[in-house]
PDB file of N, CA and C in Angstrom:
ATOM      1  N   MET A   1       0.828  -1.197   0.000  1.00  0.00           N
ATOM      2  CA  MET A   1       0.000   0.000   0.000  1.00  0.00           C
ATOM      3  C   MET A   1       0.866   1.252   0.000  1.00  0.00           C
ATOM      4  N   LYS A   2       1.966   1.213   0.761  1.00  0.00           N
ATOM      5  CA  LYS A   2       2.817   2.401   0.810  1.00  0.00           C
ATOM      6  C   LYS A   2       3.429   2.684  -0.556  1.00  0.00           C
ATOM      7  N   LYS A   3       3.858   1.635  -1.235  1.00  0.00           N
ATOM      8  CA  LYS A   3       4.565   1.817  -2.486  1.00  0.00           C
ATOM      9  C   LYS A   3       3.630   2.109  -3.656  1.00  0.00           C
ATOM     10  N   HIS A   4       2.509   1.397  -3.748  1.00  0.00           N
ATOM     11  CA  HIS A   4       1.646   1.498  -4.921  1.00  0.00           C
ATOM     12  C   HIS A   4       0.325   2.222  -4.677  1.00  0.00           C
ATOM     13  N   GLY A   5       0.084   2.666  -3.463  1.00  0.00           N
ATOM     14  CA  GLY A   5      -1.140   3.410  -3.198  1.00  0.00           C
ATOM     15  C   GLY A   5      -2.310   2.503  -2.858  1.00  0.00           C
ATOM     16  N   GLN A   6      -3.497   2.896  -3.267  1.00  0.00           N
ATOM     17  CA  GLN A   6      -4.733   2.186  -2.941  1.00  0.00           C
ATOM     18  C   GLN A   6      -4.696   0.742  -3.460  1.00  0.00           C
ATOM     19  N   GLU A   7      -5.184  -0.181  -2.643  1.00  0.00           N
ATOM     20  CA  GLU A   7      -5.237  -1.586  -3.052  1.00  0.00           C
ATOM     21  C   GLU A   7      -6.330  -1.766  -4.097  1.00  0.00           C
ATOM     22  N   LYS A   8      -5.998  -2.457  -5.171  1.00  0.00           N
ATOM     23  CA  LYS A   8      -6.962  -2.717  -6.234  1.00  0.00           C
ATOM     24  C   LYS A   8      -7.598  -4.081  -5.996  1.00  0.00           C
ATOM     25  N   HIS A   9      -8.865  -4.167  -6.286  1.00  0.00           N
ATOM     26  CA  HIS A   9      -9.588  -5.424  -6.108  1.00  0.00           C
ATOM     27  C   HIS A   9      -9.375  -6.295  -7.347  1.00  0.00           C
ATOM     28  N   CYS A  10      -8.676  -7.402  -7.174  1.00  0.00           N
ATOM     29  CA  CYS A  10      -8.426  -8.327  -8.279  1.00  0.00           C
ATOM     30  C   CYS A  10      -9.385  -9.504  -8.178  1.00  0.00           C
ATOM     31  N   VAL A  11      -9.884  -9.941  -9.299  1.00  0.00           N
ATOM     32  CA  VAL A  11     -10.739 -11.116  -9.350  1.00  0.00           C
ATOM     33  C   VAL A  11      -9.937 -12.216 -10.030  1.00  0.00           C
ATOM     34  N   TRP A  12      -9.610 -13.238  -9.261  1.00  0.00           N
ATOM     35  CA  TRP A  12      -8.825 -14.340  -9.781  1.00  0.00           C
ATOM     36  C   TRP A  12      -9.726 -15.367 -10.423  1.00  0.00           C
ATOM     37  N   ARG A  13      -9.206 -16.091 -11.371  1.00  0.00           N
ATOM     38  CA  ARG A  13      -9.913 -17.171 -12.044  1.00  0.00           C
ATOM     39  C   ARG A  13      -9.109 -18.457 -11.855  1.00  0.00           C
ATOM     40  N   LYS A  14      -9.817 -19.581 -11.884  1.00  0.00           N
ATOM     41  CA  LYS A  14      -9.166 -20.891 -11.824  1.00  0.00           C
ATOM     42  C   LYS A  14      -9.477 -21.636 -13.108  1.00  0.00           C
ATOM     43  N   LEU A  15      -8.473 -22.256 -13.675  1.00  0.00           N
ATOM     44  CA  LEU A  15      -8.658 -23.088 -14.853  1.00  0.00           C
ATOM     45  C   LEU A  15      -8.528 -24.543 -14.417  1.00  0.00           C
ATOM     46  N   HIS A  16      -9.617 -25.285 -14.496  1.00  0.00           N
ATOM     47  CA  HIS A  16      -9.641 -26.693 -14.129  1.00  0.00           C
ATOM     48  C   HIS A  16      -9.462 -27.500 -15.411  1.00  0.00           C
ATOM     49  N   LEU A  17      -8.526 -28.435 -15.404  1.00  0.00           N
ATOM     50  CA  LEU A  17      -8.228 -29.231 -16.590  1.00  0.00           C
ATOM     51  C   LEU A  17      -8.338 -30.717 -16.285  1.00  0.00           C
ATOM     52  N   ALA A  18      -8.808 -31.479 -17.262  1.00  0.00           N
ATOM     53  CA  ALA A  18      -8.765 -32.940 -17.213  1.00  0.00           C
ATOM     54  C   ALA A  18      -7.876 -33.367 -18.370  1.00  0.00           C
ATOM     55  N   VAL A  19      -6.871 -34.181 -18.066  1.00  0.00           N
ATOM     56  CA  VAL A  19      -5.847 -34.530 -19.045  1.00  0.00           C
ATOM     57  C   VAL A  19      -5.786 -36.042 -19.202  1.00  0.00           C
ATOM     58  N   GLU A  20      -5.692 -36.509 -20.448  1.00  0.00           N
ATOM     59  CA  GLU A  20      -5.473 -37.920 -20.734  1.00  0.00           C
ATOM     60  C   GLU A  20      -4.030 -38.242 -20.354  1.00  0.00           C
ATOM     61  N   ALA A  21      -3.850 -39.187 -19.444  1.00  0.00           N
ATOM     62  CA  ALA A  21      -2.519 -39.458 -18.892  1.00  0.00           C
ATOM     63  C   ALA A  21      -1.536 -39.992 -19.926  1.00  0.00           C
ATOM     64  N   SER A  22      -1.989 -40.821 -20.840  1.00  0.00           N
ATOM     65  CA  SER A  22      -1.057 -41.436 -21.788  1.00  0.00           C
ATOM     66  C   SER A  22      -0.623 -40.486 -22.899  1.00  0.00           C
ATOM     67  N   THR A  23      -1.510 -39.607 -23.349  1.00  0.00           N
ATOM     68  CA  THR A  23      -1.188 -38.715 -24.464  1.00  0.00           C
ATOM     69  C   THR A  23      -0.942 -37.275 -24.030  1.00  0.00           C
ATOM     70  N   HIS A  24      -1.246 -36.934 -22.758  1.00  0.00           N
ATOM     71  CA  HIS A  24      -1.122 -35.576 -22.225  1.00  0.00           C
ATOM     72  C   HIS A  24      -2.036 -34.593 -22.954  1.00  0.00           C
ATOM     73  N   GLU A  25      -3.109 -35.091 -23.534  1.00  0.00           N
ATOM     74  CA  GLU A  25      -4.071 -34.262 -24.242  1.00  0.00           C
ATOM     75  C   GLU A  25      -5.127 -33.756 -23.257  1.00  0.00           C
ATOM     76  N   VAL A  26      -5.450 -32.470 -23.339  1.00  0.00           N
ATOM     77  CA  VAL A  26      -6.503 -31.896 -22.506  1.00  0.00           C
ATOM     78  C   VAL A  26      -7.843 -32.345 -23.079  1.00  0.00           C
ATOM     79  N   ILE A  27      -8.641 -33.054 -22.263  1.00  0.00           N
ATOM     80  CA  ILE A  27      -9.922 -33.548 -22.756  1.00  0.00           C
ATOM     81  C   ILE A  27     -11.092 -32.706 -22.256  1.00  0.00           C
ATOM     82  N   CYS A  28     -10.913 -31.974 -21.151  1.00  0.00           N
ATOM     83  CA  CYS A  28     -11.949 -31.093 -20.614  1.00  0.00           C
ATOM     84  C   CYS A  28     -11.289 -29.889 -19.964  1.00  0.00           C
ATOM     85  N   ALA A  29     -11.976 -28.768 -20.016  1.00  0.00           N
ATOM     86  CA  ALA A  29     -11.485 -27.563 -19.357  1.00  0.00           C
ATOM     87  C   ALA A  29     -12.673 -26.769 -18.833  1.00  0.00           C
ATOM     88  N   ASP A  30     -12.470 -26.115 -17.698  1.00  0.00           N
ATOM     89  CA  ASP A  30     -13.518 -25.311 -17.091  1.00  0.00           C
ATOM     90  C   ASP A  30     -12.865 -24.120 -16.400  1.00  0.00           C
ATOM     91  N   LEU A  31     -13.409 -22.942 -16.604  1.00  0.00           N
ATOM     92  CA  LEU A  31     -12.900 -21.726 -15.985  1.00  0.00           C
ATOM     93  C   LEU A  31     -13.905 -21.272 -14.932  1.00  0.00           C
ATOM     94  N   SER A  32     -13.417 -21.020 -13.713  1.00  0.00           N
ATOM     95  CA  SER A  32     -14.316 -20.619 -12.630  1.00  0.00           C
ATOM     96  C   SER A  32     -13.687 -19.479 -11.832  1.00  0.00           C
ATOM     97  N   LEU A  33     -14.506 -18.880 -10.984  1.00  0.00           N
ATOM     98  CA  LEU A  33     -14.003 -17.859 -10.071  1.00  0.00           C
ATOM     99  C   LEU A  33     -13.211 -18.524  -8.956  1.00  0.00           C
ATOM    100  N   ASN A  34     -12.476 -17.728  -8.190  1.00  0.00           N
ATOM    101  CA  ASN A  34     -11.621 -18.306  -7.156  1.00  0.00           C
ATOM    102  C   ASN A  34     -12.401 -18.861  -5.974  1.00  0.00           C
ATOM    103  N   ASN A  35     -13.696 -18.576  -5.859  1.00  0.00           N
ATOM    104  CA  ASN A  35     -14.474 -19.109  -4.741  1.00  0.00           C
ATOM    105  C   ASN A  35     -15.048 -20.496  -5.021  1.00  0.00           C
ATOM    106  N   VAL A  36     -14.820 -21.044  -6.204  1.00  0.00           N
ATOM    107  CA  VAL A  36     -15.270 -22.393  -6.550  1.00  0.00           C
ATOM    108  C   VAL A  36     -14.126 -23.357  -6.249  1.00  0.00           C
ATOM    109  N   THR A  37     -14.411 -24.362  -5.417  1.00  0.00           N
ATOM    110  CA  THR A  37     -13.363 -25.321  -5.064  1.00  0.00           C
ATOM    111  C   THR A  37     -13.161 -26.328  -6.188  1.00  0.00           C
ATOM    112  N   ASP A  38     -12.048 -27.041  -6.131  1.00  0.00           N
ATOM    113  CA  ASP A  38     -11.767 -28.070  -7.119  1.00  0.00           C
ATOM    114  C   ASP A  38     -12.851 -29.151  -7.095  1.00  0.00           C
ATOM    115  N   ALA A  39     -13.276 -29.539  -5.909  1.00  0.00           N
ATOM    116  CA  ALA A  39     -14.289 -30.581  -5.777  1.00  0.00           C
ATOM    117  C   ALA A  39     -15.639 -30.136  -6.338  1.00  0.00           C
ATOM    118  N   GLU A  40     -15.965 -28.855  -6.238  1.00  0.00           N
ATOM    119  CA  GLU A  40     -17.218 -28.356  -6.802  1.00  0.00           C
ATOM    120  C   GLU A  40     -17.183 -28.319  -8.319  1.00  0.00           C
ATOM    121  N   ALA A  41     -16.025 -28.064  -8.899  1.00  0.00           N
ATOM    122  CA  ALA A  41     -15.893 -27.987 -10.350  1.00  0.00           C
ATOM    123  C   ALA A  41     -15.770 -29.366 -10.998  1.00  0.00           C
ATOM    124  N   PHE A  42     -15.376 -30.368 -10.236  1.00  0.00           N
ATOM    125  CA  PHE A  42     -15.082 -31.692 -10.783  1.00  0.00           C
ATOM    126  C   PHE A  42     -16.247 -32.359 -11.508  1.00  0.00           C
ATOM    127  N   PRO A  43     -17.451 -32.448 -10.935  1.00  0.00           N
ATOM    128  CA  PRO A  43     -18.541 -33.124 -11.654  1.00  0.00           C
ATOM    129  C   PRO A  43     -18.860 -32.479 -13.001  1.00  0.00           C
ATOM    130  N   GLY A  44     -18.895 -31.164 -13.061  1.00  0.00           N
ATOM    131  CA  GLY A  44     -19.144 -30.488 -14.328  1.00  0.00           C
ATOM    132  C   GLY A  44     -18.029 -30.698 -15.331  1.00  0.00           C
ATOM    133  N   LEU A  45     -16.835 -30.843 -14.821  1.00  0.00           N
ATOM    134  CA  LEU A  45     -15.681 -31.047 -15.690  1.00  0.00           C
ATOM    135  C   LEU A  45     -15.750 -32.393 -16.394  1.00  0.00           C
ATOM    136  N   ILE A  46     -16.042 -33.458 -15.665  1.00  0.00           N
ATOM    137  CA  ILE A  46     -16.051 -34.772 -16.307  1.00  0.00           C
ATOM    138  C   ILE A  46     -17.329 -35.014 -17.115  1.00  0.00           C
ATOM    139  N   ARG A  47     -18.358 -34.211 -16.901  1.00  0.00           N
ATOM    140  CA  ARG A  47     -19.571 -34.330 -17.722  1.00  0.00           C
ATOM    141  C   ARG A  47     -19.373 -33.752 -19.114  1.00  0.00           C
ATOM    142  N   GLN A  48     -18.324 -32.976 -19.316  1.00  0.00           N
ATOM    143  CA  GLN A  48     -18.084 -32.339 -20.611  1.00  0.00           C
ATOM    144  C   GLN A  48     -17.665 -33.319 -21.690  1.00  0.00           C
ATOM    145  N   THR A  49     -17.068 -34.417 -21.320  1.00  0.00           N
ATOM    146  CA  THR A  49     -16.539 -35.342 -22.319  1.00  0.00           C
ATOM    147  C   THR A  49     -17.516 -36.483 -22.586  1.00  0.00           C
ATOM    148  N   HIS A  50     -17.503 -36.940 -23.818  1.00  0.00           N
ATOM    149  CA  HIS A  50     -18.314 -38.095 -24.189  1.00  0.00           C
ATOM    150  C   HIS A  50     -17.449 -39.345 -24.293  1.00  0.00           C
ATOM    151  N   ASN A  51     -16.139 -39.183 -24.077  1.00  0.00           N
ATOM    152  CA  ASN A  51     -15.222 -40.319 -24.094  1.00  0.00           C
ATOM    153  C   ASN A  51     -15.441 -41.183 -22.860  1.00  0.00           C
ATOM    154  N   LYS A  52     -15.149 -42.448 -22.972  1.00  0.00           N
ATOM    155  CA  LYS A  52     -15.248 -43.365 -21.841  1.00  0.00           C
ATOM    156  C   LYS A  52     -14.046 -43.130 -20.933  1.00  0.00           C
ATOM    157  N   ILE A  53     -14.315 -42.781 -19.691  1.00  0.00           N
ATOM    158  CA  ILE A  53     -13.255 -42.582 -18.698  1.00  0.00           C
ATOM    159  C   ILE A  53     -13.239 -43.820 -17.822  1.00  0.00           C
ATOM    160  N   ARG A  54     -12.101 -44.485 -17.746  1.00  0.00           N
ATOM    161  CA  ARG A  54     -11.989 -45.707 -16.941  1.00  0.00           C
ATOM    162  C   ARG A  54     -11.481 -45.427 -15.537  1.00  0.00           C
ATOM    163  N   ALA A  55     -10.590 -44.448 -15.409  1.00  0.00           N
ATOM    164  CA  ALA A  55      -9.984 -44.154 -14.111  1.00  0.00           C
ATOM    165  C   ALA A  55      -9.702 -42.657 -14.019  1.00  0.00           C
ATOM    166  N   ALA A  56      -9.755 -42.157 -12.791  1.00  0.00           N
ATOM    167  CA  ALA A  56      -9.472 -40.747 -12.537  1.00  0.00           C
ATOM    168  C   ALA A  56      -8.429 -40.657 -11.427  1.00  0.00           C
ATOM    169  N   CYS A  57      -7.360 -39.923 -11.682  1.00  0.00           N
ATOM    170  CA  CYS A  57      -6.322 -39.669 -10.690  1.00  0.00           C
ATOM    171  C   CYS A  57      -6.414 -38.192 -10.299  1.00  0.00           C
ATOM    172  N   ALA A  58      -6.415 -37.939  -9.012  1.00  0.00           N
ATOM    173  CA  ALA A  58      -6.526 -36.559  -8.538  1.00  0.00           C
ATOM    174  C   ALA A  58      -5.834 -36.432  -7.190  1.00  0.00           C
ATOM    175  N   ASP A  59      -5.656 -35.187  -6.740  1.00  0.00           N
ATOM    176  CA  ASP A  59      -5.033 -34.977  -5.435  1.00  0.00           C
ATOM    177  C   ASP A  59      -6.090 -34.984  -4.332  1.00  0.00           C
ATOM    178  N   GLY A  60      -5.656 -34.753  -3.108  1.00  0.00           N
ATOM    179  CA  GLY A  60      -6.537 -34.848  -1.946  1.00  0.00           C
ATOM    180  C   GLY A  60      -7.680 -33.846  -1.926  1.00  0.00           C
ATOM    181  N   ALA A  61      -7.590 -32.781  -2.715  1.00  0.00           N
ATOM    182  CA  ALA A  61      -8.676 -31.799  -2.760  1.00  0.00           C
ATOM    183  C   ALA A  61      -9.955 -32.408  -3.322  1.00  0.00           C
ATOM    184  N   TYR A  62      -9.828 -33.497  -4.054  1.00  0.00           N
ATOM    185  CA  TYR A  62     -10.979 -34.160  -4.671  1.00  0.00           C
ATOM    186  C   TYR A  62     -11.525 -35.291  -3.810  1.00  0.00           C
ATOM    187  N   ASP A  63     -11.010 -35.462  -2.618  1.00  0.00           N
ATOM    188  CA  ASP A  63     -11.481 -36.525  -1.720  1.00  0.00           C
ATOM    189  C   ASP A  63     -12.724 -36.039  -0.975  1.00  0.00           C
ATOM    190  N   THR A  64     -13.816 -35.904  -1.719  1.00  0.00           N
ATOM    191  CA  THR A  64     -15.087 -35.467  -1.143  1.00  0.00           C
ATOM    192  C   THR A  64     -16.185 -36.422  -1.572  1.00  0.00           C
ATOM    193  N   ARG A  65     -17.266 -36.405  -0.845  1.00  0.00           N
ATOM    194  CA  ARG A  65     -18.406 -37.263  -1.173  1.00  0.00           C
ATOM    195  C   ARG A  65     -18.951 -36.934  -2.556  1.00  0.00           C
ATOM    196  N   ARG A  66     -19.001 -35.642  -2.892  1.00  0.00           N
ATOM    197  CA  ARG A  66     -19.520 -35.221  -4.198  1.00  0.00           C
ATOM    198  C   ARG A  66     -18.710 -35.833  -5.347  1.00  0.00           C
ATOM    199  N   CYS A  67     -17.393 -35.802  -5.243  1.00  0.00           N
ATOM    200  CA  CYS A  67     -16.544 -36.367  -6.294  1.00  0.00           C
ATOM    201  C   CYS A  67     -16.678 -37.884  -6.365  1.00  0.00           C
ATOM    202  N   HIS A  68     -16.643 -38.536  -5.219  1.00  0.00           N
ATOM    203  CA  HIS A  68     -16.746 -39.991  -5.212  1.00  0.00           C
ATOM    204  C   HIS A  68     -18.109 -40.459  -5.714  1.00  0.00           C
ATOM    205  N   ASP A  69     -19.173 -39.727  -5.381  1.00  0.00           N
ATOM    206  CA  ASP A  69     -20.507 -40.088  -5.877  1.00  0.00           C
ATOM    207  C   ASP A  69     -20.586 -39.975  -7.394  1.00  0.00           C
ATOM    208  N   GLU A  70     -20.012 -38.911  -7.936  1.00  0.00           N
ATOM    209  CA  GLU A  70     -20.019 -38.724  -9.393  1.00  0.00           C
ATOM    210  C   GLU A  70     -19.207 -39.814 -10.088  1.00  0.00           C
ATOM    211  N   LEU A  71     -18.057 -40.164  -9.521  1.00  0.00           N
ATOM    212  CA  LEU A  71     -17.240 -41.223 -10.104  1.00  0.00           C
ATOM    213  C   LEU A  71     -17.963 -42.575 -10.025  1.00  0.00           C
ATOM    214  N   ARG A  72     -18.603 -42.840  -8.913  1.00  0.00           N
ATOM    215  CA  ARG A  72     -19.342 -44.098  -8.745  1.00  0.00           C
ATOM    216  C   ARG A  72     -20.506 -44.165  -9.731  1.00  0.00           C
ATOM    217  N   ARG A  73     -21.216 -43.057  -9.924  1.00  0.00           N
ATOM    218  CA  ARG A  73     -22.356 -43.004 -10.835  1.00  0.00           C
ATOM    219  C   ARG A  73     -21.925 -43.280 -12.277  1.00  0.00           C
ATOM    220  N   ARG A  74     -20.746 -42.788 -12.639  1.00  0.00           N
ATOM    221  CA  ARG A  74     -20.245 -42.992 -14.004  1.00  0.00           C
ATOM    222  C   ARG A  74     -19.377 -44.239 -14.145  1.00  0.00           C
ATOM    223  N   LYS A  75     -19.246 -45.002 -13.058  1.00  0.00           N
ATOM    224  CA  LYS A  75     -18.449 -46.239 -13.030  1.00  0.00           C
ATOM    225  C   LYS A  75     -16.998 -45.989 -13.417  1.00  0.00           C
ATOM    226  N   ILE A  76     -16.410 -44.978 -12.771  1.00  0.00           N
ATOM    227  CA  ILE A  76     -15.009 -44.616 -12.984  1.00  0.00           C
ATOM    228  C   ILE A  76     -14.237 -44.982 -11.734  1.00  0.00           C
ATOM    229  N   LYS A  77     -13.122 -45.669 -11.924  1.00  0.00           N
ATOM    230  CA  LYS A  77     -12.278 -46.056 -10.801  1.00  0.00           C
ATOM    231  C   LYS A  77     -11.503 -44.824 -10.299  1.00  0.00           C
ATOM    232  N   ALA A  78     -11.529 -44.600  -8.995  1.00  0.00           N
ATOM    233  CA  ALA A  78     -10.909 -43.399  -8.420  1.00  0.00           C
ATOM    234  C   ALA A  78      -9.552 -43.721  -7.804  1.00  0.00           C
ATOM    235  N   PHE A  79      -8.563 -42.917  -8.135  1.00  0.00           N
ATOM    236  CA  PHE A  79      -7.249 -42.961  -7.512  1.00  0.00           C
ATOM    237  C   PHE A  79      -7.021 -41.600  -6.842  1.00  0.00           C
ATOM    238  N   ILE A  80      -7.639 -41.429  -5.678  1.00  0.00           N
ATOM    239  CA  ILE A  80      -7.597 -40.163  -4.956  1.00  0.00           C
ATOM    240  C   ILE A  80      -7.092 -40.448  -3.544  1.00  0.00           C
ATOM    241  N   PRO A  81      -5.956 -39.875  -3.153  1.00  0.00           N
ATOM    242  CA  PRO A  81      -5.468 -40.126  -1.786  1.00  0.00           C
ATOM    243  C   PRO A  81      -6.363 -39.416  -0.767  1.00  0.00           C
ATOM    244  N   PRO A  82      -6.452 -39.963   0.435  1.00  0.00           N
ATOM    245  CA  PRO A  82      -7.263 -39.305   1.472  1.00  0.00           C
ATOM    246  C   PRO A  82      -6.634 -37.968   1.879  1.00  0.00           C
ATOM    247  N   ARG A  83      -7.473 -37.086   2.367  1.00  0.00           N
ATOM    248  CA  ARG A  83      -6.964 -35.805   2.857  1.00  0.00           C
ATOM    249  C   ARG A  83      -6.116 -36.022   4.090  1.00  0.00           C
ATOM    250  N   THR A  84      -5.136 -35.162   4.291  1.00  0.00           N
ATOM    251  CA  THR A  84      -4.268 -35.291   5.465  1.00  0.00           C
ATOM    252  C   THR A  84      -4.898 -34.669   6.679  1.00  0.00           C
TER     253      THR A  84
END
């Protein structure tokens, strides 16, 4: 504040990506505001593709009931470590 004056209100965006592990090809993308968590964006992200998804690998941020329910509904095997 001392150096640059008045604080400016910045609105951050998050880009959520789903990537094919073998080819490194982006198969789904979703842009959200910073108040949307990874777990909230996940179901909409995997609904974007019509490809058959056999397995999903994600970090602990996706270890939520919402994500696991969506994976179970679509019969996708989950590789998500538990939260610490």
